[in-house]
């Protein structure tokens, strides 16, 4: 049975706290695992969350600030230590190649795994698989940063009444789905489009076109909300979002489930992030993230 869920490994910005580890997020998607922004301590958080090195198929780094990337060294060495049998692909800003190189070879170890580097240099499609297309969009931060978006291909939902009207049943239904036609009956005659699910990961950024493009129509949006709204000038200065700004983006984009994360250590009351998100008019499902939490991708409508 396929699983689509977000495993939250860490939620702190800049420095860890007693209750929040540096960033780290694993998206499980139909047997694939995509690790986003492994900050310091990610390897240990994986252990605590029941995530194995074998679960990783891709690593996506938004930018090379330490709270989003210092865990790369440990994660890369762990996939080699555990001799992960499949290829692991790494995406990250091309401008940070020197940082990736230093983290990949921070210490001596034996390489046993095919780790393929596919750096990002512009907006566009990074990968196309049978279950998703992975895209990147440039964000606005003091260092080059990209957000990531995963889109499932649209499918078809079979309509029993139309199938019955055409006398199609049993194995013929599957054949029609596979081949697109059965005699004079086409797949479109007996089905409706089932919109593919969409996920986006938006970290350190000011408001910009990339934020809105990534969030558009998402079933699950993971987005930074480093600051509360009263500290908007600080957010703009340092290249971050507030809870209200993140929620307004989700509201306007029609997001179904919003996950706020990447919280400044200056705040101790997570309930205030929820209050400000609701005040901004977001009415969908809302999660103020905490470490080791699991968030399922919403079921299709």
C-alpha atoms as a PDB file:
ATOM      1  CA  UNK A   1       0.000   0.000   0.000  1.00  0.00           C
ATOM      2  CA  UNK A   2       1.464   3.362  -1.026  1.00  0.00           C
ATOM      3  CA  UNK A   3       2.288   5.888   1.685  1.00  0.00           C
ATOM      4  CA  UNK A   4       2.424   9.613   1.186  1.00  0.00           C
ATOM      5  CA  UNK A   5       3.443  11.513   4.271  1.00  0.00           C
ATOM      6  CA  UNK A   6       5.841  14.123   5.598  1.00  0.00           C
ATOM      7  CA  UNK A   7       8.139  13.086   8.439  1.00  0.00           C
ATOM      8  CA  UNK A   8       9.353  16.200  10.265  1.00  0.00           C
ATOM      9  CA  UNK A   9      12.864  15.706  11.624  1.00  0.00           C
ATOM     10  CA  UNK A  10      13.606  19.254  12.779  1.00  0.00           C
ATOM     11  CA  UNK A  11      11.918  22.655  12.922  1.00  0.00           C
ATOM     12  CA  UNK A  12      14.390  25.210  14.314  1.00  0.00           C
ATOM     13  CA  UNK A  13      15.886  28.128  12.401  1.00  0.00           C
ATOM     14  CA  UNK A  14      19.528  29.187  12.756  1.00  0.00           C
ATOM     15  CA  UNK A  15      20.226  27.324  16.029  1.00  0.00           C
ATOM     16  CA  UNK A  16      18.669  24.248  17.648  1.00  0.00           C
ATOM     17  CA  UNK A  17      16.802  24.593  20.932  1.00  0.00           C
ATOM     18  CA  UNK A  18      16.032  22.183  23.748  1.00  0.00           C
ATOM     19  CA  UNK A  19      12.886  21.064  21.927  1.00  0.00           C
ATOM     20  CA  UNK A  20      13.679  21.743  18.276  1.00  0.00           C
ATOM     21  CA  UNK A  21      16.438  20.247  16.140  1.00  0.00           C
ATOM     22  CA  UNK A  22      17.857  21.931  13.066  1.00  0.00           C
ATOM     23  CA  UNK A  23      15.809  21.477   9.887  1.00  0.00           C
ATOM     24  CA  UNK A  24      15.139  18.128   8.259  1.00  0.00           C
ATOM     25  CA  UNK A  25      12.069  16.818   6.393  1.00  0.00           C
ATOM     26  CA  UNK A  26      11.461  13.478   4.701  1.00  0.00           C
ATOM     27  CA  UNK A  27       8.677  13.140   2.150  1.00  0.00           C
ATOM     28  CA  UNK A  28       7.558   9.544   1.655  1.00  0.00           C
ATOM     29  CA  UNK A  29       5.917   9.180  -1.747  1.00  0.00           C
ATOM     30  CA  UNK A  30       4.934   5.751  -3.078  1.00  0.00           C
ATOM     31  CA  UNK A  31       8.042   3.932  -1.921  1.00  0.00           C
ATOM     32  CA  UNK A  32      10.363   6.853  -2.671  1.00  0.00           C
ATOM     33  CA  UNK A  33      11.955   9.046  -0.005  1.00  0.00           C
ATOM     34  CA  UNK A  34      12.972  12.665  -0.596  1.00  0.00           C
ATOM     35  CA  UNK A  35      15.023  14.296   2.162  1.00  0.00           C
ATOM     36  CA  UNK A  36      14.821  18.086   2.286  1.00  0.00           C
ATOM     37  CA  UNK A  37      17.346  20.391   3.989  1.00  0.00           C
ATOM     38  CA  UNK A  38      19.241  18.053   6.338  1.00  0.00           C
ATOM     39  CA  UNK A  39      20.560  20.312   9.067  1.00  0.00           C
ATOM     40  CA  UNK A  40      22.924  19.334  11.852  1.00  0.00           C
ATOM     41  CA  UNK A  41      21.678  16.315  13.792  1.00  0.00           C
ATOM     42  CA  UNK A  42      19.516  14.932  10.980  1.00  0.00           C
ATOM     43  CA  UNK A  43      21.098  11.464  11.174  1.00  0.00           C
ATOM     44  CA  UNK A  44      20.097  11.120  14.824  1.00  0.00           C
ATOM     45  CA  UNK A  45      16.609  12.499  14.160  1.00  0.00           C
ATOM     46  CA  UNK A  46      16.181   9.901  11.427  1.00  0.00           C
ATOM     47  CA  UNK A  47      16.947   7.204  13.967  1.00  0.00           C
ATOM     48  CA  UNK A  48      14.418   8.634  16.410  1.00  0.00           C
ATOM     49  CA  UNK A  49      11.764   8.882  13.690  1.00  0.00           C
ATOM     50  CA  UNK A  50      12.322   5.373  12.346  1.00  0.00           C
ATOM     51  CA  UNK A  51      13.760   6.594   9.041  1.00  0.00           C
ATOM     52  CA  UNK A  52      16.527   4.435   7.562  1.00  0.00           C
ATOM     53  CA  UNK A  53      19.250   5.414   5.124  1.00  0.00           C
ATOM     54  CA  UNK A  54      17.705   2.900   2.714  1.00  0.00           C
ATOM     55  CA  UNK A  55      14.572   5.084   2.641  1.00  0.00           C
ATOM     56  CA  UNK A  56      16.410   7.907   0.849  1.00  0.00           C
ATOM     57  CA  UNK A  57      16.231   8.272  -2.933  1.00  0.00           C
ATOM     58  CA  UNK A  58      16.761  12.024  -3.293  1.00  0.00           C
ATOM     59  CA  UNK A  59      18.234  14.822  -1.220  1.00  0.00           C
ATOM     60  CA  UNK A  60      17.041  18.374  -1.958  1.00  0.00           C
ATOM     61  CA  UNK A  61      18.895  21.311  -0.401  1.00  0.00           C
ATOM     62  CA  UNK A  62      17.324  24.759  -0.716  1.00  0.00           C
ATOM     63  CA  UNK A  63      20.499  26.718   0.153  1.00  0.00           C
ATOM     64  CA  UNK A  64      23.803  26.467   1.968  1.00  0.00           C
ATOM     65  CA  UNK A  65      23.170  28.040   5.344  1.00  0.00           C
ATOM     66  CA  UNK A  66      24.225  25.646   8.079  1.00  0.00           C
ATOM     67  CA  UNK A  67      20.804  24.989   9.570  1.00  0.00           C
ATOM     68  CA  UNK A  68      19.751  23.582   6.196  1.00  0.00           C
ATOM     69  CA  UNK A  69      22.847  21.676   5.138  1.00  0.00           C
ATOM     70  CA  UNK A  70      25.324  20.798   7.906  1.00  0.00           C
ATOM     71  CA  UNK A  71      23.715  17.380   8.276  1.00  0.00           C
ATOM     72  CA  UNK A  72      24.691  16.440   4.734  1.00  0.00           C
ATOM     73  CA  UNK A  73      28.068  15.076   5.816  1.00  0.00           C
ATOM     74  CA  UNK A  74      26.562  12.614   8.270  1.00  0.00           C
ATOM     75  CA  UNK A  75      23.680  11.585   6.004  1.00  0.00           C
ATOM     76  CA  UNK A  76      25.965  10.954   3.013  1.00  0.00           C
ATOM     77  CA  UNK A  77      28.385   8.921   5.101  1.00  0.00           C
ATOM     78  CA  UNK A  78      25.489   6.962   6.603  1.00  0.00           C
ATOM     79  CA  UNK A  79      24.065   5.923   3.224  1.00  0.00           C
ATOM     80  CA  UNK A  80      27.543   4.669   2.344  1.00  0.00           C
ATOM     81  CA  UNK A  81      28.053   2.917   5.676  1.00  0.00           C
ATOM     82  CA  UNK A  82      24.706   1.142   5.250  1.00  0.00           C
ATOM     83  CA  UNK A  83      25.527   0.351   1.601  1.00  0.00           C
ATOM     84  CA  UNK A  84      22.223   1.609   0.252  1.00  0.00           C
ATOM     85  CA  UNK A  85      21.660  -0.536  -2.862  1.00  0.00           C
ATOM     86  CA  UNK A  86      20.094   2.127  -5.094  1.00  0.00           C
ATOM     87  CA  UNK A  87      21.231   5.426  -6.567  1.00  0.00           C
ATOM     88  CA  UNK A  88      20.701   8.548  -4.453  1.00  0.00           C
ATOM     89  CA  UNK A  89      20.321  11.858  -6.318  1.00  0.00           C
ATOM     90  CA  UNK A  90      21.268  15.197  -4.760  1.00  0.00           C
ATOM     91  CA  UNK A  91      19.831  18.566  -5.841  1.00  0.00           C
ATOM     92  CA  UNK A  92      21.226  21.863  -4.525  1.00  0.00           C
ATOM     93  CA  UNK A  93      22.073  25.351  -5.854  1.00  0.00           C
ATOM     94  CA  UNK A  94      24.925  25.123  -8.333  1.00  0.00           C
ATOM     95  CA  UNK A  95      26.422  28.287  -6.851  1.00  0.00           C
ATOM     96  CA  UNK A  96      27.044  26.314  -3.648  1.00  0.00           C
ATOM     97  CA  UNK A  97      28.993  23.502  -5.312  1.00  0.00           C
ATOM     98  CA  UNK A  98      32.071  24.201  -3.181  1.00  0.00           C
ATOM     99  CA  UNK A  99      29.997  23.800  -0.013  1.00  0.00           C
ATOM    100  CA  UNK A 100      28.478  20.546  -1.217  1.00  0.00           C
ATOM    101  CA  UNK A 101      31.932  19.218  -2.069  1.00  0.00           C
ATOM    102  CA  UNK A 102      33.258  20.089   1.381  1.00  0.00           C
ATOM    103  CA  UNK A 103      30.312  18.448   3.118  1.00  0.00           C
ATOM    104  CA  UNK A 104      30.396  15.344   0.923  1.00  0.00           C
ATOM    105  CA  UNK A 105      34.077  14.811   1.668  1.00  0.00           C
ATOM    106  CA  UNK A 106      34.265  16.361   5.135  1.00  0.00           C
ATOM    107  CA  UNK A 107      36.106  13.320   6.525  1.00  0.00           C
ATOM    108  CA  UNK A 108      37.526  10.017   5.302  1.00  0.00           C
ATOM    109  CA  UNK A 109      35.093   7.182   4.543  1.00  0.00           C
ATOM    110  CA  UNK A 110      34.586   4.406   2.017  1.00  0.00           C
ATOM    111  CA  UNK A 111      32.201   5.242  -0.810  1.00  0.00           C
ATOM    112  CA  UNK A 112      29.908   2.342  -1.616  1.00  0.00           C
ATOM    113  CA  UNK A 113      26.859   4.134  -3.048  1.00  0.00           C
ATOM    114  CA  UNK A 114      26.197   5.888  -6.333  1.00  0.00           C
ATOM    115  CA  UNK A 115      25.479   9.464  -5.259  1.00  0.00           C
ATOM    116  CA  UNK A 116      24.574  11.486  -8.348  1.00  0.00           C
ATOM    117  CA  UNK A 117      24.947  15.261  -8.177  1.00  0.00           C
ATOM    118  CA  UNK A 118      22.308  17.225 -10.103  1.00  0.00           C
ATOM    119  CA  UNK A 119      22.729  20.876  -9.074  1.00  0.00           C
ATOM    120  CA  UNK A 120      20.083  23.511  -9.788  1.00  0.00           C
ATOM    121  CA  UNK A 121      20.936  26.643 -11.751  1.00  0.00           C
ATOM    122  CA  UNK A 122      17.538  27.956 -12.885  1.00  0.00           C
ATOM    123  CA  UNK A 123      13.794  27.524 -12.550  1.00  0.00           C
ATOM    124  CA  UNK A 124      12.457  24.395 -14.180  1.00  0.00           C
ATOM    125  CA  UNK A 125      11.933  20.647 -14.111  1.00  0.00           C
ATOM    126  CA  UNK A 126      14.581  18.584 -12.322  1.00  0.00           C
ATOM    127  CA  UNK A 127      13.192  15.076 -12.728  1.00  0.00           C
ATOM    128  CA  UNK A 128      10.261  13.184 -14.220  1.00  0.00           C
ATOM    129  CA  UNK A 129       9.295   9.802 -12.783  1.00  0.00           C
ATOM    130  CA  UNK A 130       6.222   7.603 -13.125  1.00  0.00           C
ATOM    131  CA  UNK A 131       4.715   9.031  -9.932  1.00  0.00           C
ATOM    132  CA  UNK A 132       5.867  12.659  -9.883  1.00  0.00           C
ATOM    133  CA  UNK A 133       7.579  15.560 -11.602  1.00  0.00           C
ATOM    134  CA  UNK A 134      10.043  17.514  -9.456  1.00  0.00           C
ATOM    135  CA  UNK A 135      10.464  21.234 -10.143  1.00  0.00           C
ATOM    136  CA  UNK A 136      12.551  24.052  -8.629  1.00  0.00           C
ATOM    137  CA  UNK A 137      11.877  27.781  -8.311  1.00  0.00           C
ATOM    138  CA  UNK A 138      14.259  30.559  -7.290  1.00  0.00           C
ATOM    139  CA  UNK A 139      13.520  32.232  -3.958  1.00  0.00           C
ATOM    140  CA  UNK A 140      14.658  35.531  -2.397  1.00  0.00           C
ATOM    141  CA  UNK A 141      17.289  35.128   0.326  1.00  0.00           C
ATOM    142  CA  UNK A 142      20.737  36.642   0.977  1.00  0.00           C
ATOM    143  CA  UNK A 143      22.298  33.516  -0.567  1.00  0.00           C
ATOM    144  CA  UNK A 144      20.961  31.705  -3.622  1.00  0.00           C
ATOM    145  CA  UNK A 145      18.008  29.572  -2.614  1.00  0.00           C
ATOM    146  CA  UNK A 146      15.511  27.344  -4.420  1.00  0.00           C
ATOM    147  CA  UNK A 147      12.187  25.882  -3.370  1.00  0.00           C
ATOM    148  CA  UNK A 148      10.943  22.521  -4.627  1.00  0.00           C
ATOM    149  CA  UNK A 149       7.580  21.360  -5.948  1.00  0.00           C
ATOM    150  CA  UNK A 150       6.387  17.819  -6.614  1.00  0.00           C
ATOM    151  CA  UNK A 151       3.453  17.181  -8.963  1.00  0.00           C
ATOM    152  CA  UNK A 152       1.747  13.860  -9.537  1.00  0.00           C
ATOM    153  CA  UNK A 153       0.499  13.270 -13.106  1.00  0.00           C
ATOM    154  CA  UNK A 154      -3.236  13.594 -13.543  1.00  0.00           C
ATOM    155  CA  UNK A 155      -5.074  10.284 -13.727  1.00  0.00           C
ATOM    156  CA  UNK A 156      -8.599   9.066 -14.405  1.00  0.00           C
ATOM    157  CA  UNK A 157     -11.417   8.099 -12.068  1.00  0.00           C
ATOM    158  CA  UNK A 158     -13.651   5.425 -13.582  1.00  0.00           C
ATOM    159  CA  UNK A 159     -17.404   6.152 -13.482  1.00  0.00           C
ATOM    160  CA  UNK A 160     -19.454   2.995 -12.749  1.00  0.00           C
ATOM    161  CA  UNK A 161     -22.639   4.264 -14.369  1.00  0.00           C
ATOM    162  CA  UNK A 162     -20.894   5.019 -17.669  1.00  0.00           C
ATOM    163  CA  UNK A 163     -19.061   1.689 -17.601  1.00  0.00           C
ATOM    164  CA  UNK A 164     -22.379  -0.083 -17.086  1.00  0.00           C
ATOM    165  CA  UNK A 165     -24.002   1.872 -19.896  1.00  0.00           C
ATOM    166  CA  UNK A 166     -21.319   0.579 -22.270  1.00  0.00           C
ATOM    167  CA  UNK A 167     -21.447  -2.957 -20.851  1.00  0.00           C
ATOM    168  CA  UNK A 168     -17.844  -2.838 -19.652  1.00  0.00           C
ATOM    169  CA  UNK A 169     -16.970  -4.866 -16.557  1.00  0.00           C
ATOM    170  CA  UNK A 170     -14.410  -7.194 -15.017  1.00  0.00           C
ATOM    171  CA  UNK A 171     -10.966  -7.442 -16.663  1.00  0.00           C
ATOM    172  CA  UNK A 172     -12.099  -5.180 -19.494  1.00  0.00           C
ATOM    173  CA  UNK A 173     -12.083  -2.215 -17.103  1.00  0.00           C
ATOM    174  CA  UNK A 174      -8.379  -2.670 -16.418  1.00  0.00           C
ATOM    175  CA  UNK A 175      -7.660  -3.182 -20.096  1.00  0.00           C
ATOM    176  CA  UNK A 176      -9.449   0.060 -20.954  1.00  0.00           C
ATOM    177  CA  UNK A 177      -7.430   1.897 -18.289  1.00  0.00           C
ATOM    178  CA  UNK A 178      -4.145   0.537 -19.637  1.00  0.00           C
ATOM    179  CA  UNK A 179      -4.803   0.913 -23.351  1.00  0.00           C
ATOM    180  CA  UNK A 180      -7.082   3.975 -23.392  1.00  0.00           C
ATOM    181  CA  UNK A 181      -9.628   2.363 -25.715  1.00  0.00           C
ATOM    182  CA  UNK A 182     -11.798  -0.742 -25.854  1.00  0.00           C
ATOM    183  CA  UNK A 183     -13.481  -1.129 -29.200  1.00  0.00           C
ATOM    184  CA  UNK A 184     -15.341   2.120 -29.872  1.00  0.00           C
ATOM    185  CA  UNK A 185     -15.214   3.222 -26.210  1.00  0.00           C
ATOM    186  CA  UNK A 186     -12.433   5.562 -25.105  1.00  0.00           C
ATOM    187  CA  UNK A 187     -11.184   6.100 -21.577  1.00  0.00           C
ATOM    188  CA  UNK A 188     -12.594   9.639 -21.650  1.00  0.00           C
ATOM    189  CA  UNK A 189     -16.074   8.226 -22.368  1.00  0.00           C
ATOM    190  CA  UNK A 190     -16.248   6.378 -19.040  1.00  0.00           C
ATOM    191  CA  UNK A 191     -14.069   8.412 -16.680  1.00  0.00           C
ATOM    192  CA  UNK A 192     -13.280  11.855 -15.340  1.00  0.00           C
ATOM    193  CA  UNK A 193      -9.900  13.469 -14.733  1.00  0.00           C
ATOM    194  CA  UNK A 194      -8.451  12.775 -11.300  1.00  0.00           C
ATOM    195  CA  UNK A 195      -6.147  15.689 -10.486  1.00  0.00           C
ATOM    196  CA  UNK A 196      -2.684  14.656  -9.344  1.00  0.00           C
ATOM    197  CA  UNK A 197      -1.558  15.591  -5.853  1.00  0.00           C
ATOM    198  CA  UNK A 198       0.870  18.462  -5.319  1.00  0.00           C
ATOM    199  CA  UNK A 199       3.473  19.146  -2.634  1.00  0.00           C
ATOM    200  CA  UNK A 200       5.788  22.112  -2.174  1.00  0.00           C
ATOM    201  CA  UNK A 201       8.727  22.882   0.094  1.00  0.00           C
ATOM    202  CA  UNK A 202       9.497  26.575   0.629  1.00  0.00           C
ATOM    203  CA  UNK A 203      12.271  27.590   2.987  1.00  0.00           C
ATOM    204  CA  UNK A 204      14.243  30.766   3.666  1.00  0.00           C
ATOM    205  CA  UNK A 205      12.821  33.526   1.494  1.00  0.00           C
ATOM    206  CA  UNK A 206      11.100  36.859   1.346  1.00  0.00           C
ATOM    207  CA  UNK A 207       7.816  37.120  -0.529  1.00  0.00           C
ATOM    208  CA  UNK A 208       8.568  36.701  -4.239  1.00  0.00           C
ATOM    209  CA  UNK A 209       7.099  35.212  -7.414  1.00  0.00           C
ATOM    210  CA  UNK A 210       8.757  31.873  -6.683  1.00  0.00           C
ATOM    211  CA  UNK A 211       6.889  31.477  -3.394  1.00  0.00           C
ATOM    212  CA  UNK A 212       3.505  31.930  -5.057  1.00  0.00           C
ATOM    213  CA  UNK A 213       4.364  29.662  -7.993  1.00  0.00           C
ATOM    214  CA  UNK A 214       5.480  26.852  -5.695  1.00  0.00           C
ATOM    215  CA  UNK A 215       2.401  27.094  -3.464  1.00  0.00           C
ATOM    216  CA  UNK A 216      -0.215  27.237  -6.229  1.00  0.00           C
ATOM    217  CA  UNK A 217      -2.842  24.525  -5.797  1.00  0.00           C
ATOM    218  CA  UNK A 218      -0.836  22.454  -3.320  1.00  0.00           C
ATOM    219  CA  UNK A 219      -2.411  19.684  -1.306  1.00  0.00           C
ATOM    220  CA  UNK A 220       0.431  20.000   1.215  1.00  0.00           C
ATOM    221  CA  UNK A 221       2.625  23.098   1.559  1.00  0.00           C
ATOM    222  CA  UNK A 222       5.611  23.128   3.921  1.00  0.00           C
ATOM    223  CA  UNK A 223       6.729  26.722   4.355  1.00  0.00           C
ATOM    224  CA  UNK A 224       8.962  28.688   6.663  1.00  0.00           C
ATOM    225  CA  UNK A 225       7.430  31.151   9.136  1.00  0.00           C
ATOM    226  CA  UNK A 226      10.543  32.245  10.987  1.00  0.00           C
ATOM    227  CA  UNK A 227       8.970  35.369  12.478  1.00  0.00           C
ATOM    228  CA  UNK A 228       5.668  36.553  13.873  1.00  0.00           C
ATOM    229  CA  UNK A 229       3.939  39.422  12.111  1.00  0.00           C
ATOM    230  CA  UNK A 230       5.072  42.091  14.565  1.00  0.00           C
ATOM    231  CA  UNK A 231       8.640  41.389  13.458  1.00  0.00           C
ATOM    232  CA  UNK A 232       7.988  41.864   9.730  1.00  0.00           C
ATOM    233  CA  UNK A 233      10.867  44.376   9.338  1.00  0.00           C
ATOM    234  CA  UNK A 234      13.282  41.736  10.659  1.00  0.00           C
ATOM    235  CA  UNK A 235      11.824  39.152   8.298  1.00  0.00           C
ATOM    236  CA  UNK A 236      12.331  41.417   5.285  1.00  0.00           C
ATOM    237  CA  UNK A 237      15.853  42.377   6.369  1.00  0.00           C
ATOM    238  CA  UNK A 238      17.004  38.782   6.827  1.00  0.00           C
ATOM    239  CA  UNK A 239      15.092  37.221   3.931  1.00  0.00           C
ATOM    240  CA  UNK A 240      12.321  35.377   5.746  1.00  0.00           C
ATOM    241  CA  UNK A 241       8.542  35.107   6.041  1.00  0.00           C
ATOM    242  CA  UNK A 242       6.187  35.746   8.917  1.00  0.00           C
ATOM    243  CA  UNK A 243       3.352  33.454   9.965  1.00  0.00           C
ATOM    244  CA  UNK A 244       0.788  35.827   8.473  1.00  0.00           C
ATOM    245  CA  UNK A 245       2.665  36.152   5.184  1.00  0.00           C
ATOM    246  CA  UNK A 246       3.042  32.377   4.821  1.00  0.00           C
ATOM    247  CA  UNK A 247      -0.640  31.842   5.576  1.00  0.00           C
ATOM    248  CA  UNK A 248      -1.722  34.536   3.117  1.00  0.00           C
ATOM    249  CA  UNK A 249       0.304  32.818   0.404  1.00  0.00           C
ATOM    250  CA  UNK A 250      -1.428  29.516   1.230  1.00  0.00           C
ATOM    251  CA  UNK A 251      -4.845  31.208   1.306  1.00  0.00           C
ATOM    252  CA  UNK A 252      -4.418  32.798  -2.117  1.00  0.00           C
ATOM    253  CA  UNK A 253      -2.929  29.601  -3.600  1.00  0.00           C
ATOM    254  CA  UNK A 254      -5.797  27.355  -2.491  1.00  0.00           C
ATOM    255  CA  UNK A 255      -3.573  25.170  -0.313  1.00  0.00           C
ATOM    256  CA  UNK A 256      -5.418  22.354   1.452  1.00  0.00           C
ATOM    257  CA  UNK A 257      -2.965  21.629   4.285  1.00  0.00           C
ATOM    258  CA  UNK A 258      -0.439  24.214   5.476  1.00  0.00           C
ATOM    259  CA  UNK A 259       2.596  23.243   7.551  1.00  0.00           C
ATOM    260  CA  UNK A 260       4.402  26.144   9.255  1.00  0.00           C
ATOM    261  CA  UNK A 261       7.975  25.520  10.389  1.00  0.00           C
ATOM    262  CA  UNK A 262      11.512  26.988  10.775  1.00  0.00           C
ATOM    263  CA  UNK A 263      10.797  28.960  13.938  1.00  0.00           C
ATOM    264  CA  UNK A 264      13.112  31.536  15.473  1.00  0.00           C
ATOM    265  CA  UNK A 265      14.392  30.709  18.951  1.00  0.00           C
ATOM    266  CA  UNK A 266      12.998  34.044  20.174  1.00  0.00           C
ATOM    267  CA  UNK A 267       9.470  32.578  20.299  1.00  0.00           C
ATOM    268  CA  UNK A 268       8.292  30.076  22.893  1.00  0.00           C
ATOM    269  CA  UNK A 269       4.533  29.964  22.205  1.00  0.00           C
ATOM    270  CA  UNK A 270       3.755  28.042  18.990  1.00  0.00           C
ATOM    271  CA  UNK A 271       0.047  28.776  19.418  1.00  0.00           C
ATOM    272  CA  UNK A 272       0.710  32.355  18.327  1.00  0.00           C
ATOM    273  CA  UNK A 273       1.823  31.152  14.893  1.00  0.00           C
ATOM    274  CA  UNK A 274      -1.501  29.376  14.488  1.00  0.00           C
ATOM    275  CA  UNK A 275      -3.442  32.421  15.672  1.00  0.00           C
ATOM    276  CA  UNK A 276      -1.713  34.729  13.206  1.00  0.00           C
ATOM    277  CA  UNK A 277      -2.131  32.241  10.342  1.00  0.00           C
ATOM    278  CA  UNK A 278      -5.873  32.084  10.995  1.00  0.00           C
ATOM    279  CA  UNK A 279      -6.035  35.870  11.315  1.00  0.00           C
ATOM    280  CA  UNK A 280      -4.530  36.074   7.818  1.00  0.00           C
ATOM    281  CA  UNK A 281      -7.563  34.202   6.504  1.00  0.00           C
ATOM    282  CA  UNK A 282      -6.237  30.697   5.916  1.00  0.00           C
ATOM    283  CA  UNK A 283      -9.134  28.285   6.513  1.00  0.00           C
ATOM    284  CA  UNK A 284      -7.633  24.956   5.447  1.00  0.00           C
ATOM    285  CA  UNK A 285      -5.963  22.320   7.595  1.00  0.00           C
ATOM    286  CA  UNK A 286      -3.083  23.831   9.562  1.00  0.00           C
ATOM    287  CA  UNK A 287      -0.110  22.290  11.344  1.00  0.00           C
ATOM    288  CA  UNK A 288       2.407  24.210  13.440  1.00  0.00           C
ATOM    289  CA  UNK A 289       5.219  21.712  13.080  1.00  0.00           C
ATOM    290  CA  UNK A 290       7.106  20.022  15.890  1.00  0.00           C
ATOM    291  CA  UNK A 291       9.973  17.565  15.723  1.00  0.00           C
ATOM    292  CA  UNK A 292       9.236  13.904  14.897  1.00  0.00           C
ATOM    293  CA  UNK A 293       5.692  14.692  13.766  1.00  0.00           C
ATOM    294  CA  UNK A 294       4.129  12.864  10.828  1.00  0.00           C
ATOM    295  CA  UNK A 295       1.780  14.712   8.483  1.00  0.00           C
ATOM    296  CA  UNK A 296      -0.120  12.700   5.823  1.00  0.00           C
ATOM    297  CA  UNK A 297      -0.644  14.157   2.379  1.00  0.00           C
ATOM    298  CA  UNK A 298      -4.406  14.915   2.193  1.00  0.00           C
ATOM    299  CA  UNK A 299      -6.508  12.328   0.442  1.00  0.00           C
ATOM    300  CA  UNK A 300      -7.749  13.236  -3.007  1.00  0.00           C
ATOM    301  CA  UNK A 301     -11.077  14.973  -3.148  1.00  0.00           C
END
